[in-house]
Amino acid sequence: MTGRAAPYHTFFAPCPRGLEGVLAAELEELGARDIAATAGGVGFKGAFSLCYRVNLESRIASRVLWLVFHGPYRTEQDVYQAAYDLPWRDWFSSSRTIKLKVSAQHCPLTSLDYVTLKIKDAVCDKFRAATGARPSVDTRQPDIRIDAFLDAHHVTLYLDTSGEPLFKRGLRKASGEAPLRENLAAGILRLSGWTPEQALLDPMCGGATILMEAVLLARHIAPGLGRGFAFEKLHNFDSKTWRDLCEASRAAQIPK
């Protein structure tokens, strides 16, 4: 008797423009399948535990978004119904706070603020209909972030498995006025072809972001080890798998 294979999920990892190619290569190294680079990010598939690993180990991705719906729409009510029909209670509880972010390209609807309101209402109405309770909105430090993207004909809904953007490594106490984001610095290093066996000179050092990323890379330190993630607040969070990944990552580090 053979065990059942873990179901595949679809994800999207946004990244700084120009780094899509190196992010795609990194995701392949991390075990992603069906990788598809597009402007501003890379789509990929894998078991849900893959999003744990990408959040933990990706040096270039800005976030890891879990695709939960993709379908056609014509009106704001179509978007509301699509969101209402999703099994939100399977993913998180009404005690969690939420934040909505909606972006669009060639969208015929007149107000993205209204679309945002309709999706928020759909999520809250679905919870209230089932339990009488609903999630509260927190625009600063939400537990759960819901992303929506609308093009001319389709709406796509995502749950953000990262929480805070992945360039926030949890290492800095403070930063300068115009710090270079860590994932952009990591992407520059990858594009340069630098390897830890080579000397590295950063003549415009500034906040030393490139040098800090080089140290993490040289010592095989996963950039996400010092922070938390939104996927830890989802119902399907597998704490043992996550703990095993973190332990393996720590064991792979090269001592000073």
C-alpha atoms as a PDB file:
ATOM      1  CA  MET A   1       0.000   0.000   0.000  1.00  0.00           C
ATOM      2  CA  THR A   2       1.445   3.359  -0.965  1.00  0.00           C
ATOM      3  CA  GLY A   3       0.853   6.650   0.788  1.00  0.00           C
ATOM      4  CA  ARG A   4      -1.152   9.346  -0.886  1.00  0.00           C
ATOM      5  CA  ALA A   5       0.925  12.146  -2.377  1.00  0.00           C
ATOM      6  CA  ALA A   6       0.450  15.583  -0.852  1.00  0.00           C
ATOM      7  CA  PRO A   7      -1.847  17.747  -2.996  1.00  0.00           C
ATOM      8  CA  TYR A   8      -0.210  20.442  -5.076  1.00  0.00           C
ATOM      9  CA  HIS A   9      -1.017  24.095  -4.479  1.00  0.00           C
ATOM     10  CA  THR A  10      -0.420  27.134  -6.632  1.00  0.00           C
ATOM     11  CA  PHE A  11       1.646  30.037  -5.330  1.00  0.00           C
ATOM     12  CA  PHE A  12       2.911  33.372  -6.579  1.00  0.00           C
ATOM     13  CA  ALA A  13       6.081  35.046  -5.308  1.00  0.00           C
ATOM     14  CA  PRO A  14       6.347  38.767  -6.111  1.00  0.00           C
ATOM     15  CA  CYS A  15       9.844  40.207  -6.382  1.00  0.00           C
ATOM     16  CA  PRO A  16      11.589  43.420  -7.433  1.00  0.00           C
ATOM     17  CA  ARG A  17      11.332  44.036 -11.180  1.00  0.00           C
ATOM     18  CA  GLY A  18      14.287  42.604 -13.034  1.00  0.00           C
ATOM     19  CA  LEU A  19      14.859  39.738 -10.598  1.00  0.00           C
ATOM     20  CA  GLU A  20      12.215  37.374 -11.971  1.00  0.00           C
ATOM     21  CA  GLY A  21      14.776  35.167 -13.702  1.00  0.00           C
ATOM     22  CA  VAL A  22      17.040  34.695 -10.697  1.00  0.00           C
ATOM     23  CA  LEU A  23      14.011  34.125  -8.447  1.00  0.00           C
ATOM     24  CA  ALA A  24      12.767  31.422 -10.835  1.00  0.00           C
ATOM     25  CA  ALA A  25      16.180  29.717 -10.631  1.00  0.00           C
ATOM     26  CA  GLU A  26      16.146  29.971  -6.832  1.00  0.00           C
ATOM     27  CA  LEU A  27      12.637  28.490  -6.623  1.00  0.00           C
ATOM     28  CA  GLU A  28      13.738  25.550  -8.776  1.00  0.00           C
ATOM     29  CA  GLU A  29      16.582  24.914  -6.315  1.00  0.00           C
ATOM     30  CA  LEU A  30      14.045  24.939  -3.471  1.00  0.00           C
ATOM     31  CA  GLY A  31      11.911  22.252  -5.129  1.00  0.00           C
ATOM     32  CA  ALA A  32       9.179  24.258  -6.881  1.00  0.00           C
ATOM     33  CA  ARG A  33       7.383  22.826  -9.919  1.00  0.00           C
ATOM     34  CA  ASP A  34       5.663  24.387 -12.939  1.00  0.00           C
ATOM     35  CA  ILE A  35       7.654  27.588 -12.517  1.00  0.00           C
ATOM     36  CA  ALA A  36       6.431  30.518 -14.608  1.00  0.00           C
ATOM     37  CA  ALA A  37       8.124  33.913 -14.462  1.00  0.00           C
ATOM     38  CA  THR A  38       6.072  36.967 -15.289  1.00  0.00           C
ATOM     39  CA  ALA A  39       6.530  40.700 -14.851  1.00  0.00           C
ATOM     40  CA  GLY A  40       6.925  41.361 -11.142  1.00  0.00           C
ATOM     41  CA  GLY A  41       7.075  37.807  -9.846  1.00  0.00           C
ATOM     42  CA  VAL A  42       7.102  34.065 -10.372  1.00  0.00           C
ATOM     43  CA  GLY A  43       4.272  31.533 -10.193  1.00  0.00           C
ATOM     44  CA  PHE A  44       4.986  27.988  -9.043  1.00  0.00           C
ATOM     45  CA  LYS A  45       3.396  24.851  -7.628  1.00  0.00           C
ATOM     46  CA  GLY A  46       4.150  22.362  -4.897  1.00  0.00           C
ATOM     47  CA  ALA A  47       2.970  20.763  -1.679  1.00  0.00           C
ATOM     48  CA  PHE A  48       1.816  23.269   0.919  1.00  0.00           C
ATOM     49  CA  SER A  49       4.985  22.680   2.920  1.00  0.00           C
ATOM     50  CA  LEU A  50       6.899  24.198  -0.003  1.00  0.00           C
ATOM     51  CA  CYS A  51       5.626  27.622   0.988  1.00  0.00           C
ATOM     52  CA  TYR A  52       7.239  27.084   4.412  1.00  0.00           C
ATOM     53  CA  ARG A  53      10.577  26.419   2.755  1.00  0.00           C
ATOM     54  CA  VAL A  54      10.328  29.319   0.301  1.00  0.00           C
ATOM     55  CA  ASN A  55       9.421  31.734   3.098  1.00  0.00           C
ATOM     56  CA  LEU A  56      12.315  30.434   5.161  1.00  0.00           C
ATOM     57  CA  GLU A  57      15.013  30.183   2.502  1.00  0.00           C
ATOM     58  CA  SER A  58      14.223  32.480  -0.420  1.00  0.00           C
ATOM     59  CA  ARG A  59      16.583  35.436  -0.522  1.00  0.00           C
ATOM     60  CA  ILE A  60      14.854  37.164  -3.445  1.00  0.00           C
ATOM     61  CA  ALA A  61      11.057  36.779  -3.092  1.00  0.00           C
ATOM     62  CA  SER A  62       9.097  39.660  -1.537  1.00  0.00           C
ATOM     63  CA  ARG A  63       6.223  37.465  -0.343  1.00  0.00           C
ATOM     64  CA  VAL A  64       4.707  34.037  -0.952  1.00  0.00           C
ATOM     65  CA  LEU A  65       1.038  34.241  -1.950  1.00  0.00           C
ATOM     66  CA  TRP A  66      -1.199  31.149  -1.919  1.00  0.00           C
ATOM     67  CA  LEU A  67      -3.727  31.189  -4.759  1.00  0.00           C
ATOM     68  CA  VAL A  68      -7.204  30.308  -3.453  1.00  0.00           C
ATOM     69  CA  PHE A  69      -9.384  31.482  -6.367  1.00  0.00           C
ATOM     70  CA  HIS A  70      -9.113  32.434 -10.021  1.00  0.00           C
ATOM     71  CA  GLY A  71     -12.180  33.026 -12.148  1.00  0.00           C
ATOM     72  CA  PRO A  72     -14.130  35.405 -14.389  1.00  0.00           C
ATOM     73  CA  TYR A  73     -16.069  38.454 -13.233  1.00  0.00           C
ATOM     74  CA  ARG A  74     -18.052  41.295 -14.760  1.00  0.00           C
ATOM     75  CA  THR A  75     -19.320  43.294 -11.780  1.00  0.00           C
ATOM     76  CA  GLU A  76     -18.423  44.040  -8.173  1.00  0.00           C
ATOM     77  CA  GLN A  77     -21.145  41.609  -7.124  1.00  0.00           C
ATOM     78  CA  ASP A  78     -19.410  38.836  -9.076  1.00  0.00           C
ATOM     79  CA  VAL A  79     -16.259  39.520  -7.081  1.00  0.00           C
ATOM     80  CA  TYR A  80     -18.256  39.518  -3.836  1.00  0.00           C
ATOM     81  CA  GLN A  81     -19.858  36.179  -4.683  1.00  0.00           C
ATOM     82  CA  ALA A  82     -16.550  34.596  -5.642  1.00  0.00           C
ATOM     83  CA  ALA A  83     -15.065  35.638  -2.306  1.00  0.00           C
ATOM     84  CA  TYR A  84     -18.168  34.640  -0.337  1.00  0.00           C
ATOM     85  CA  ASP A  85     -18.144  31.133  -1.808  1.00  0.00           C
ATOM     86  CA  LEU A  86     -14.641  30.378  -0.517  1.00  0.00           C
ATOM     87  CA  PRO A  87     -14.182  28.239   2.646  1.00  0.00           C
ATOM     88  CA  TRP A  88     -12.517  30.938   4.760  1.00  0.00           C
ATOM     89  CA  ARG A  89     -13.340  29.120   7.999  1.00  0.00           C
ATOM     90  CA  ASP A  90     -11.227  26.175   6.791  1.00  0.00           C
ATOM     91  CA  TRP A  91      -8.205  28.486   6.681  1.00  0.00           C
ATOM     92  CA  PHE A  92      -8.436  30.791   9.719  1.00  0.00           C
ATOM     93  CA  SER A  93     -10.715  31.651  12.616  1.00  0.00           C
ATOM     94  CA  SER A  94     -12.930  34.684  13.187  1.00  0.00           C
ATOM     95  CA  SER A  95     -10.623  35.735  16.038  1.00  0.00           C
ATOM     96  CA  ARG A  96      -7.905  36.567  13.502  1.00  0.00           C
ATOM     97  CA  THR A  97      -7.580  40.108  12.174  1.00  0.00           C
ATOM     98  CA  ILE A  98      -7.482  40.687   8.428  1.00  0.00           C
ATOM     99  CA  LYS A  99      -6.261  43.209   5.892  1.00  0.00           C
ATOM    100  CA  LEU A 100      -7.255  43.461   2.232  1.00  0.00           C
ATOM    101  CA  LYS A 101      -5.050  44.625  -0.617  1.00  0.00           C
ATOM    102  CA  VAL A 102      -6.457  44.949  -4.136  1.00  0.00           C
ATOM    103  CA  SER A 103      -4.485  45.744  -7.277  1.00  0.00           C
ATOM    104  CA  ALA A 104      -5.576  45.761 -10.896  1.00  0.00           C
ATOM    105  CA  GLN A 105      -4.510  46.093 -14.508  1.00  0.00           C
ATOM    106  CA  HIS A 106      -6.988  46.965 -17.257  1.00  0.00           C
ATOM    107  CA  CYS A 107      -9.846  46.469 -14.775  1.00  0.00           C
ATOM    108  CA  PRO A 108     -13.142  47.942 -16.043  1.00  0.00           C
ATOM    109  CA  LEU A 109     -14.532  48.577 -12.546  1.00  0.00           C
ATOM    110  CA  THR A 110     -14.499  52.201 -11.469  1.00  0.00           C
ATOM    111  CA  SER A 111     -13.346  51.974  -7.844  1.00  0.00           C
ATOM    112  CA  LEU A 112     -10.806  49.576  -6.351  1.00  0.00           C
ATOM    113  CA  ASP A 113     -11.725  50.913  -2.916  1.00  0.00           C
ATOM    114  CA  TYR A 114     -15.267  49.637  -3.481  1.00  0.00           C
ATOM    115  CA  VAL A 115     -13.947  46.269  -4.675  1.00  0.00           C
ATOM    116  CA  THR A 116     -11.831  46.076  -1.515  1.00  0.00           C
ATOM    117  CA  LEU A 117     -14.925  46.787   0.577  1.00  0.00           C
ATOM    118  CA  LYS A 118     -16.941  44.113  -1.251  1.00  0.00           C
ATOM    119  CA  ILE A 119     -14.274  41.443  -0.679  1.00  0.00           C
ATOM    120  CA  LYS A 120     -13.986  42.396   2.994  1.00  0.00           C
ATOM    121  CA  ASP A 121     -17.779  42.212   3.315  1.00  0.00           C
ATOM    122  CA  ALA A 122     -17.834  38.800   1.630  1.00  0.00           C
ATOM    123  CA  VAL A 123     -15.268  37.355   4.040  1.00  0.00           C
ATOM    124  CA  CYS A 124     -16.961  38.821   7.105  1.00  0.00           C
ATOM    125  CA  ASP A 125     -20.466  37.891   5.917  1.00  0.00           C
ATOM    126  CA  LYS A 126     -19.357  34.281   5.373  1.00  0.00           C
ATOM    127  CA  PHE A 127     -18.049  34.024   8.933  1.00  0.00           C
ATOM    128  CA  ARG A 128     -21.068  35.803  10.432  1.00  0.00           C
ATOM    129  CA  ALA A 129     -23.519  33.547   8.605  1.00  0.00           C
ATOM    130  CA  ALA A 130     -21.834  30.445  10.033  1.00  0.00           C
ATOM    131  CA  THR A 131     -20.875  31.502  13.544  1.00  0.00           C
ATOM    132  CA  GLY A 132     -22.318  34.916  14.305  1.00  0.00           C
ATOM    133  CA  ALA A 133     -18.772  36.260  14.688  1.00  0.00           C
ATOM    134  CA  ARG A 134     -16.574  37.958  12.106  1.00  0.00           C
ATOM    135  CA  PRO A 135     -12.905  38.903  11.769  1.00  0.00           C
ATOM    136  CA  SER A 136     -11.900  42.474  12.553  1.00  0.00           C
ATOM    137  CA  VAL A 137      -9.872  44.594  10.177  1.00  0.00           C
ATOM    138  CA  ASP A 138      -6.371  45.651  11.225  1.00  0.00           C
ATOM    139  CA  THR A 139      -4.534  47.710   8.622  1.00  0.00           C
ATOM    140  CA  ARG A 140      -1.250  47.858  10.594  1.00  0.00           C
ATOM    141  CA  GLN A 141      -0.446  44.414  11.972  1.00  0.00           C
ATOM    142  CA  PRO A 142      -3.060  41.967  10.677  1.00  0.00           C
ATOM    143  CA  ASP A 143      -2.891  38.248  11.335  1.00  0.00           C
ATOM    144  CA  ILE A 144      -4.121  37.425   7.837  1.00  0.00           C
ATOM    145  CA  ARG A 145      -3.519  39.374   4.642  1.00  0.00           C
ATOM    146  CA  ILE A 146      -5.783  38.768   1.653  1.00  0.00           C
ATOM    147  CA  ASP A 147      -4.564  39.909  -1.755  1.00  0.00           C
ATOM    148  CA  ALA A 148      -6.728  40.323  -4.833  1.00  0.00           C
ATOM    149  CA  PHE A 149      -5.714  41.036  -8.408  1.00  0.00           C
ATOM    150  CA  LEU A 150      -8.129  41.962 -11.180  1.00  0.00           C
ATOM    151  CA  ASP A 151      -7.367  42.118 -14.876  1.00  0.00           C
ATOM    152  CA  ALA A 152      -9.879  42.903 -17.602  1.00  0.00           C
ATOM    153  CA  HIS A 153     -11.813  39.655 -17.179  1.00  0.00           C
ATOM    154  CA  HIS A 154     -10.569  37.630 -14.181  1.00  0.00           C
ATOM    155  CA  VAL A 155     -10.163  38.056 -10.437  1.00  0.00           C
ATOM    156  CA  THR A 156      -7.505  36.172  -8.489  1.00  0.00           C
ATOM    157  CA  LEU A 157      -7.576  35.864  -4.705  1.00  0.00           C
ATOM    158  CA  TYR A 158      -4.577  34.964  -2.568  1.00  0.00           C
ATOM    159  CA  LEU A 159      -3.800  34.351   1.081  1.00  0.00           C
ATOM    160  CA  ASP A 160      -0.442  35.854   1.977  1.00  0.00           C
ATOM    161  CA  THR A 161       1.588  33.146   3.740  1.00  0.00           C
ATOM    162  CA  SER A 162       4.430  35.538   4.617  1.00  0.00           C
ATOM    163  CA  GLY A 163       2.840  38.309   6.664  1.00  0.00           C
ATOM    164  CA  GLU A 164       5.510  40.983   6.810  1.00  0.00           C
ATOM    165  CA  PRO A 165       7.438  41.232   3.518  1.00  0.00           C
ATOM    166  CA  LEU A 166      10.350  38.841   3.239  1.00  0.00           C
ATOM    167  CA  PHE A 167      12.981  41.572   2.930  1.00  0.00           C
ATOM    168  CA  LYS A 168      12.366  42.074   6.660  1.00  0.00           C
ATOM    169  CA  ARG A 169      14.858  39.473   7.844  1.00  0.00           C
ATOM    170  CA  GLY A 170      14.431  40.244  11.537  1.00  0.00           C
ATOM    171  CA  LEU A 171      18.123  41.151  11.810  1.00  0.00           C
ATOM    172  CA  ARG A 172      18.268  44.951  11.712  1.00  0.00           C
ATOM    173  CA  LYS A 173      17.695  47.107  14.786  1.00  0.00           C
ATOM    174  CA  ALA A 174      17.492  50.252  12.655  1.00  0.00           C
ATOM    175  CA  SER A 175      18.101  51.364   9.079  1.00  0.00           C
ATOM    176  CA  GLY A 176      19.222  54.469   7.249  1.00  0.00           C
ATOM    177  CA  GLU A 177      17.031  56.960   5.446  1.00  0.00           C
ATOM    178  CA  ALA A 178      17.081  55.078   2.127  1.00  0.00           C
ATOM    179  CA  PRO A 179      18.118  51.496   2.875  1.00  0.00           C
ATOM    180  CA  LEU A 180      18.544  48.993   0.084  1.00  0.00           C
ATOM    181  CA  ARG A 181      15.991  46.252   0.589  1.00  0.00           C
ATOM    182  CA  GLU A 182      17.545  42.954   1.528  1.00  0.00           C
ATOM    183  CA  ASN A 183      15.928  40.878  -1.217  1.00  0.00           C
ATOM    184  CA  LEU A 184      17.052  43.391  -3.846  1.00  0.00           C
ATOM    185  CA  ALA A 185      20.583  43.196  -2.456  1.00  0.00           C
ATOM    186  CA  ALA A 186      20.447  39.388  -2.582  1.00  0.00           C
ATOM    187  CA  GLY A 187      19.228  39.553  -6.175  1.00  0.00           C
ATOM    188  CA  ILE A 188      22.070  41.885  -7.137  1.00  0.00           C
ATOM    189  CA  LEU A 189      24.538  39.433  -5.617  1.00  0.00           C
ATOM    190  CA  ARG A 190      23.025  36.577  -7.602  1.00  0.00           C
ATOM    191  CA  LEU A 191      23.026  38.554 -10.843  1.00  0.00           C
ATOM    192  CA  SER A 192      26.676  39.470 -10.282  1.00  0.00           C
ATOM    193  CA  GLY A 193      27.718  35.838 -10.156  1.00  0.00           C
ATOM    194  CA  TRP A 194      29.569  36.370  -6.866  1.00  0.00           C
ATOM    195  CA  THR A 195      30.478  33.260  -4.860  1.00  0.00           C
ATOM    196  CA  PRO A 196      31.750  33.080  -1.262  1.00  0.00           C
ATOM    197  CA  GLU A 197      35.190  32.010  -2.511  1.00  0.00           C
ATOM    198  CA  GLN A 198      35.646  35.458  -4.058  1.00  0.00           C
ATOM    199  CA  ALA A 199      36.462  38.786  -2.405  1.00  0.00           C
ATOM    200  CA  LEU A 200      33.524  41.220  -2.300  1.00  0.00           C
ATOM    201  CA  LEU A 201      33.877  44.993  -2.508  1.00  0.00           C
ATOM    202  CA  ASP A 202      30.906  47.292  -1.990  1.00  0.00           C
ATOM    203  CA  PRO A 203      32.227  50.805  -2.747  1.00  0.00           C
ATOM    204  CA  MET A 204      28.848  52.440  -1.978  1.00  0.00           C
ATOM    205  CA  CYS A 205      28.432  50.514   1.269  1.00  0.00           C
ATOM    206  CA  GLY A 206      25.760  52.681   2.939  1.00  0.00           C
ATOM    207  CA  GLY A 207      23.851  50.412   5.319  1.00  0.00           C
ATOM    208  CA  ALA A 208      26.006  47.392   4.374  1.00  0.00           C
ATOM    209  CA  THR A 209      22.958  45.516   3.116  1.00  0.00           C
ATOM    210  CA  ILE A 210      24.822  43.822   0.267  1.00  0.00           C
ATOM    211  CA  LEU A 211      27.597  42.761   2.635  1.00  0.00           C
ATOM    212  CA  MET A 212      25.100  41.439   5.192  1.00  0.00           C
ATOM    213  CA  GLU A 213      23.346  39.407   2.525  1.00  0.00           C
ATOM    214  CA  ALA A 214      26.710  38.090   1.365  1.00  0.00           C
ATOM    215  CA  VAL A 215      27.462  36.879   4.895  1.00  0.00           C
ATOM    216  CA  LEU A 216      24.115  35.077   5.108  1.00  0.00           C
ATOM    217  CA  LEU A 217      24.777  33.455   1.744  1.00  0.00           C
ATOM    218  CA  ALA A 218      28.369  32.475   2.562  1.00  0.00           C
ATOM    219  CA  ARG A 219      27.377  30.884   5.873  1.00  0.00           C
ATOM    220  CA  HIS A 220      24.243  29.216   4.457  1.00  0.00           C
ATOM    221  CA  ILE A 221      22.052  31.077   6.937  1.00  0.00           C
ATOM    222  CA  ALA A 222      18.402  30.996   5.896  1.00  0.00           C
ATOM    223  CA  PRO A 223      17.132  34.605   5.802  1.00  0.00           C
ATOM    224  CA  GLY A 224      13.824  33.745   7.498  1.00  0.00           C
ATOM    225  CA  LEU A 225      15.162  32.038  10.625  1.00  0.00           C
ATOM    226  CA  GLY A 226      14.843  35.142  12.784  1.00  0.00           C
ATOM    227  CA  ARG A 227      11.185  36.017  12.168  1.00  0.00           C
ATOM    228  CA  GLY A 228       7.613  34.734  12.161  1.00  0.00           C
ATOM    229  CA  PHE A 229       5.220  34.097   9.275  1.00  0.00           C
ATOM    230  CA  ALA A 230       1.508  34.368   8.575  1.00  0.00           C
ATOM    231  CA  PHE A 231       1.217  30.667   7.669  1.00  0.00           C
ATOM    232  CA  GLU A 232       1.746  29.895  11.368  1.00  0.00           C
ATOM    233  CA  LYS A 233      -1.728  31.371  11.980  1.00  0.00           C
ATOM    234  CA  LEU A 234      -3.540  29.207   9.415  1.00  0.00           C
ATOM    235  CA  HIS A 235      -5.541  26.137  10.467  1.00  0.00           C
ATOM    236  CA  ASN A 236      -3.471  23.856   8.245  1.00  0.00           C
ATOM    237  CA  PHE A 237      -0.170  24.877   9.850  1.00  0.00           C
ATOM    238  CA  ASP A 238       1.984  21.781  10.416  1.00  0.00           C
ATOM    239  CA  SER A 239       4.203  22.691  13.353  1.00  0.00           C
ATOM    240  CA  LYS A 240       6.292  19.517  13.124  1.00  0.00           C
ATOM    241  CA  THR A 241       7.128  20.039   9.451  1.00  0.00           C
ATOM    242  CA  TRP A 242       8.022  23.654  10.180  1.00  0.00           C
ATOM    243  CA  ARG A 243      10.168  22.713  13.175  1.00  0.00           C
ATOM    244  CA  ASP A 244      11.990  20.055  11.145  1.00  0.00           C
ATOM    245  CA  LEU A 245      12.699  22.552   8.351  1.00  0.00           C
ATOM    246  CA  CYS A 246      14.118  25.095  10.792  1.00  0.00           C
ATOM    247  CA  GLU A 247      16.278  22.491  12.515  1.00  0.00           C
ATOM    248  CA  ALA A 248      17.645  21.252   9.179  1.00  0.00           C
ATOM    249  CA  SER A 249      18.363  24.824   8.144  1.00  0.00           C
ATOM    250  CA  ARG A 250      20.275  25.553  11.345  1.00  0.00           C
ATOM    251  CA  ALA A 251      22.259  22.314  10.954  1.00  0.00           C
ATOM    252  CA  ALA A 252      23.307  23.373   7.439  1.00  0.00           C
ATOM    253  CA  GLN A 253      24.892  26.632   8.603  1.00  0.00           C
ATOM    254  CA  ILE A 254      28.634  27.058   8.234  1.00  0.00           C
ATOM    255  CA  PRO A 255      30.251  28.162  11.533  1.00  0.00           C
ATOM    256  CA  LYS A 256      32.107  31.449  11.726  1.00  0.00           C
END
